[in-house]
Amino acid sequence: MTDPFYMLMLIENLGREYVVWDKAATIRFKKPGVGKMRAEFRVSEEQINGIRESLKTERKVEPMFVVEVRDEGGGVVAEVEKILHVRRREGK
């Protein structure tokens, strides 16, 4: 349910001169999920700019993002930590 979203968001926001991969995920289940689940994925402009700035001096960065999976009543069912791998494309 949560796998591709942060990777796709960074690919779209950083542009073609960057390579973005999913690297790792950790899921902490809080309670059983019943019914429809919802998660809101957000990447701020500050996070995007921070990644770009870091890659001016670093070969790669591995930002971590956290998303909560919630049930229909708004209760947290799970917390997912996603670690991505980001680097500039060769020759860029």
N, C-alpha and C. Protein backbone atom coordinates (compact mmCIF):
# COMPACT_ATOMS: atom_id res chain seq x y z
N MET A 1 0.81 -1.20 0.00
CA MET A 1 0.00 0.00 0.00
C MET A 1 0.86 1.27 0.00
N THR A 2 2.01 1.24 0.61
CA THR A 2 2.81 2.46 0.72
C THR A 2 4.07 2.45 -0.12
N ASP A 3 4.38 1.34 -0.78
CA ASP A 3 5.69 1.20 -1.42
C ASP A 3 6.11 2.31 -2.38
N PRO A 4 5.41 2.57 -3.47
CA PRO A 4 6.04 3.40 -4.49
C PRO A 4 5.92 4.91 -4.32
N PHE A 5 5.09 5.37 -3.42
CA PHE A 5 4.68 6.77 -3.47
C PHE A 5 5.79 7.78 -3.23
N TYR A 6 6.59 7.63 -2.18
CA TYR A 6 7.65 8.60 -1.95
C TYR A 6 8.68 8.58 -3.08
N MET A 7 8.99 7.38 -3.59
CA MET A 7 9.93 7.28 -4.70
C MET A 7 9.38 8.04 -5.92
N LEU A 8 8.13 7.81 -6.25
CA LEU A 8 7.53 8.48 -7.40
C LEU A 8 7.45 9.99 -7.19
N MET A 9 7.15 10.41 -5.98
CA MET A 9 7.07 11.84 -5.69
C MET A 9 8.43 12.52 -5.85
N LEU A 10 9.49 11.86 -5.38
CA LEU A 10 10.83 12.44 -5.53
C LEU A 10 11.26 12.45 -6.99
N ILE A 11 10.99 11.38 -7.71
CA ILE A 11 11.33 11.34 -9.14
C ILE A 11 10.68 12.52 -9.86
N GLU A 12 9.41 12.74 -9.60
CA GLU A 12 8.67 13.82 -10.25
C GLU A 12 9.20 15.21 -9.85
N ASN A 13 9.49 15.38 -8.57
CA ASN A 13 9.89 16.70 -8.07
C ASN A 13 11.35 17.04 -8.30
N LEU A 14 12.23 16.04 -8.27
CA LEU A 14 13.66 16.31 -8.48
C LEU A 14 14.00 16.44 -9.95
N GLY A 15 13.36 15.66 -10.80
CA GLY A 15 13.64 15.74 -12.23
C GLY A 15 14.55 14.63 -12.72
N ARG A 16 14.76 14.62 -14.02
CA ARG A 16 15.47 13.53 -14.69
C ARG A 16 16.96 13.47 -14.38
N GLU A 17 17.53 14.52 -13.83
CA GLU A 17 18.97 14.47 -13.54
C GLU A 17 19.31 13.73 -12.25
N TYR A 18 18.28 13.18 -11.60
CA TYR A 18 18.48 12.42 -10.36
C TYR A 18 17.97 10.99 -10.51
N VAL A 19 18.64 10.07 -9.81
CA VAL A 19 18.21 8.68 -9.73
C VAL A 19 17.63 8.47 -8.34
N VAL A 20 16.45 7.89 -8.27
CA VAL A 20 15.77 7.67 -6.98
C VAL A 20 15.35 6.21 -6.91
N TRP A 21 15.74 5.53 -5.82
CA TRP A 21 15.35 4.14 -5.59
C TRP A 21 14.74 4.00 -4.20
N ASP A 22 13.82 3.07 -4.06
CA ASP A 22 13.41 2.62 -2.73
C ASP A 22 14.55 1.79 -2.17
N LYS A 23 14.94 2.02 -0.93
CA LYS A 23 16.02 1.25 -0.34
C LYS A 23 15.52 0.31 0.76
N ALA A 24 14.69 0.84 1.66
CA ALA A 24 14.25 0.02 2.79
C ALA A 24 12.94 0.56 3.34
N ALA A 25 12.24 -0.31 4.07
CA ALA A 25 11.01 0.09 4.74
C ALA A 25 10.89 -0.66 6.05
N THR A 26 10.34 0.01 7.03
CA THR A 26 10.03 -0.60 8.32
C THR A 26 8.58 -0.30 8.62
N ILE A 27 7.84 -1.32 8.99
CA ILE A 27 6.43 -1.14 9.33
C ILE A 27 6.24 -1.48 10.80
N ARG A 28 5.62 -0.57 11.53
CA ARG A 28 5.26 -0.82 12.93
C ARG A 28 3.73 -0.87 13.00
N PHE A 29 3.22 -2.05 13.20
CA PHE A 29 1.78 -2.21 13.30
C PHE A 29 1.32 -1.79 14.69
N LYS A 30 0.29 -0.98 14.75
CA LYS A 30 -0.22 -0.45 16.02
C LYS A 30 -1.47 -1.20 16.48
N LYS A 31 -2.33 -1.57 15.53
CA LYS A 31 -3.55 -2.31 15.85
C LYS A 31 -4.06 -2.94 14.56
N PRO A 32 -4.94 -3.92 14.65
CA PRO A 32 -5.48 -4.52 13.44
C PRO A 32 -6.25 -3.51 12.60
N GLY A 33 -6.08 -3.60 11.30
CA GLY A 33 -6.81 -2.73 10.39
C GLY A 33 -8.09 -3.40 9.93
N VAL A 34 -9.20 -2.69 10.05
CA VAL A 34 -10.49 -3.21 9.63
C VAL A 34 -11.13 -2.15 8.73
N GLY A 35 -11.64 -2.56 7.59
CA GLY A 35 -12.28 -1.61 6.68
C GLY A 35 -11.27 -0.93 5.78
N LYS A 36 -11.64 0.25 5.32
CA LYS A 36 -10.79 1.01 4.41
C LYS A 36 -9.66 1.69 5.19
N MET A 37 -8.48 1.69 4.59
CA MET A 37 -7.31 2.34 5.18
C MET A 37 -6.95 3.55 4.32
N ARG A 38 -6.26 4.50 4.94
CA ARG A 38 -5.87 5.72 4.25
C ARG A 38 -4.48 6.14 4.72
N ALA A 39 -3.70 6.67 3.79
CA ALA A 39 -2.39 7.22 4.12
C ALA A 39 -2.19 8.49 3.30
N GLU A 40 -1.60 9.50 3.90
CA GLU A 40 -1.33 10.76 3.20
C GLU A 40 0.17 10.92 3.08
N PHE A 41 0.64 11.05 1.84
CA PHE A 41 2.07 11.16 1.55
C PHE A 41 2.38 12.62 1.24
N ARG A 42 3.35 13.16 1.95
CA ARG A 42 3.72 14.57 1.75
C ARG A 42 5.23 14.70 1.70
N VAL A 43 5.68 15.49 0.73
CA VAL A 43 7.09 15.86 0.64
C VAL A 43 7.10 17.38 0.48
N SER A 44 7.77 18.05 1.41
CA SER A 44 7.77 19.51 1.38
C SER A 44 8.83 20.05 0.42
N GLU A 45 8.64 21.28 0.02
CA GLU A 45 9.63 21.96 -0.82
C GLU A 45 10.97 22.04 -0.10
N GLU A 46 10.93 22.21 1.22
CA GLU A 46 12.16 22.26 2.00
C GLU A 46 12.91 20.93 1.93
N GLN A 47 12.18 19.81 1.97
CA GLN A 47 12.82 18.50 1.86
C GLN A 47 13.45 18.32 0.48
N ILE A 48 12.74 18.71 -0.56
CA ILE A 48 13.26 18.61 -1.93
C ILE A 48 14.53 19.46 -2.06
N ASN A 49 14.46 20.70 -1.60
CA ASN A 49 15.62 21.59 -1.68
C ASN A 49 16.78 21.06 -0.84
N GLY A 50 16.49 20.47 0.31
CA GLY A 50 17.54 19.91 1.16
C GLY A 50 18.26 18.76 0.48
N ILE A 51 17.52 17.92 -0.23
CA ILE A 51 18.13 16.82 -0.97
C ILE A 51 19.04 17.37 -2.07
N ARG A 52 18.55 18.34 -2.80
CA ARG A 52 19.36 18.95 -3.87
C ARG A 52 20.64 19.56 -3.31
N GLU A 53 20.50 20.28 -2.21
CA GLU A 53 21.67 20.93 -1.59
C GLU A 53 22.68 19.89 -1.10
N SER A 54 22.19 18.83 -0.46
CA SER A 54 23.09 17.79 0.04
C SER A 54 23.86 17.12 -1.09
N LEU A 55 23.22 16.96 -2.23
CA LEU A 55 23.86 16.29 -3.36
C LEU A 55 24.87 17.17 -4.09
N LYS A 56 24.98 18.41 -3.68
CA LYS A 56 26.04 19.26 -4.23
C LYS A 56 27.39 18.88 -3.65
N THR A 57 27.38 18.30 -2.44
CA THR A 57 28.64 17.92 -1.78
C THR A 57 28.74 16.43 -1.48
N GLU A 58 27.63 15.71 -1.54
CA GLU A 58 27.61 14.28 -1.25
C GLU A 58 27.34 13.50 -2.52
N ARG A 59 27.87 12.27 -2.60
CA ARG A 59 27.63 11.41 -3.75
C ARG A 59 26.20 10.88 -3.77
N LYS A 60 25.64 10.62 -2.58
CA LYS A 60 24.28 10.10 -2.45
C LYS A 60 23.69 10.59 -1.15
N VAL A 61 22.37 10.57 -1.07
CA VAL A 61 21.67 10.83 0.19
C VAL A 61 20.61 9.75 0.33
N GLU A 62 20.25 9.48 1.58
CA GLU A 62 19.23 8.47 1.86
C GLU A 62 18.20 9.04 2.84
N PRO A 63 17.32 9.88 2.30
CA PRO A 63 16.30 10.50 3.17
C PRO A 63 15.29 9.47 3.67
N MET A 64 14.77 9.74 4.86
CA MET A 64 13.75 8.89 5.45
C MET A 64 12.44 9.67 5.53
N PHE A 65 11.36 9.00 5.19
CA PHE A 65 10.03 9.57 5.26
C PHE A 65 9.16 8.65 6.11
N VAL A 66 8.22 9.24 6.85
CA VAL A 66 7.33 8.47 7.70
C VAL A 66 5.89 8.77 7.30
N VAL A 67 5.09 7.71 7.17
CA VAL A 67 3.68 7.88 6.85
C VAL A 67 2.86 7.00 7.80
N GLU A 68 1.75 7.54 8.25
CA GLU A 68 0.84 6.77 9.10
C GLU A 68 -0.30 6.22 8.25
N VAL A 69 -0.61 4.96 8.45
CA VAL A 69 -1.78 4.34 7.82
C VAL A 69 -2.90 4.40 8.85
N ARG A 70 -4.02 5.00 8.45
CA ARG A 70 -5.14 5.21 9.37
C ARG A 70 -6.39 4.48 8.89
N ASP A 71 -7.22 4.10 9.87
CA ASP A 71 -8.49 3.45 9.54
C ASP A 71 -9.55 4.51 9.31
N GLU A 72 -10.77 4.09 9.02
CA GLU A 72 -11.86 5.02 8.71
C GLU A 72 -12.16 5.98 9.85
N GLY A 73 -11.91 5.56 11.08
CA GLY A 73 -12.14 6.42 12.23
C GLY A 73 -10.98 7.36 12.54
N GLY A 74 -9.91 7.27 11.77
CA GLY A 74 -8.75 8.13 11.99
C GLY A 74 -7.71 7.54 12.90
N GLY A 75 -7.93 6.33 13.41
CA GLY A 75 -6.95 5.68 14.28
C GLY A 75 -5.75 5.18 13.51
N VAL A 76 -4.58 5.29 14.11
CA VAL A 76 -3.35 4.83 13.46
C VAL A 76 -3.28 3.31 13.53
N VAL A 77 -3.23 2.69 12.38
CA VAL A 77 -3.15 1.24 12.26
C VAL A 77 -1.69 0.81 12.14
N ALA A 78 -0.88 1.61 11.41
CA ALA A 78 0.52 1.29 11.21
C ALA A 78 1.30 2.56 10.93
N GLU A 79 2.59 2.51 11.24
CA GLU A 79 3.52 3.59 10.92
C GLU A 79 4.60 3.00 10.02
N VAL A 80 4.79 3.61 8.86
CA VAL A 80 5.74 3.09 7.89
C VAL A 80 6.88 4.09 7.71
N GLU A 81 8.11 3.63 7.89
CA GLU A 81 9.30 4.43 7.61
C GLU A 81 9.87 3.96 6.28
N LYS A 82 10.08 4.89 5.37
CA LYS A 82 10.65 4.57 4.06
C LYS A 82 12.00 5.25 3.94
N ILE A 83 13.02 4.50 3.54
CA ILE A 83 14.34 5.06 3.25
C ILE A 83 14.54 4.96 1.75
N LEU A 84 14.91 6.07 1.14
CA LEU A 84 15.17 6.11 -0.28
C LEU A 84 16.65 6.37 -0.54
N HIS A 85 17.09 6.03 -1.70
CA HIS A 85 18.46 6.29 -2.16
C HIS A 85 18.34 7.30 -3.29
N VAL A 86 19.06 8.43 -3.19
CA VAL A 86 18.99 9.47 -4.22
C VAL A 86 20.41 9.87 -4.58
N ARG A 87 20.68 9.96 -5.86
CA ARG A 87 21.97 10.44 -6.35
C ARG A 87 21.75 11.16 -7.68
N ARG A 88 22.75 11.93 -8.07
CA ARG A 88 22.69 12.59 -9.38
C ARG A 88 23.05 11.56 -10.45
N ARG A 89 22.47 11.70 -11.63
CA ARG A 89 22.85 10.82 -12.74
C ARG A 89 24.28 11.11 -13.14
N GLU A 90 24.96 10.09 -13.60
CA GLU A 90 26.34 10.24 -14.09
C GLU A 90 26.37 11.29 -15.21
N GLY A 91 27.37 12.15 -15.14
CA GLY A 91 27.52 13.16 -16.18
C GLY A 91 26.63 14.37 -16.03
N LYS A 92 25.87 14.47 -14.91
CA LYS A 92 24.98 15.62 -14.72
C LYS A 92 25.54 16.55 -13.67
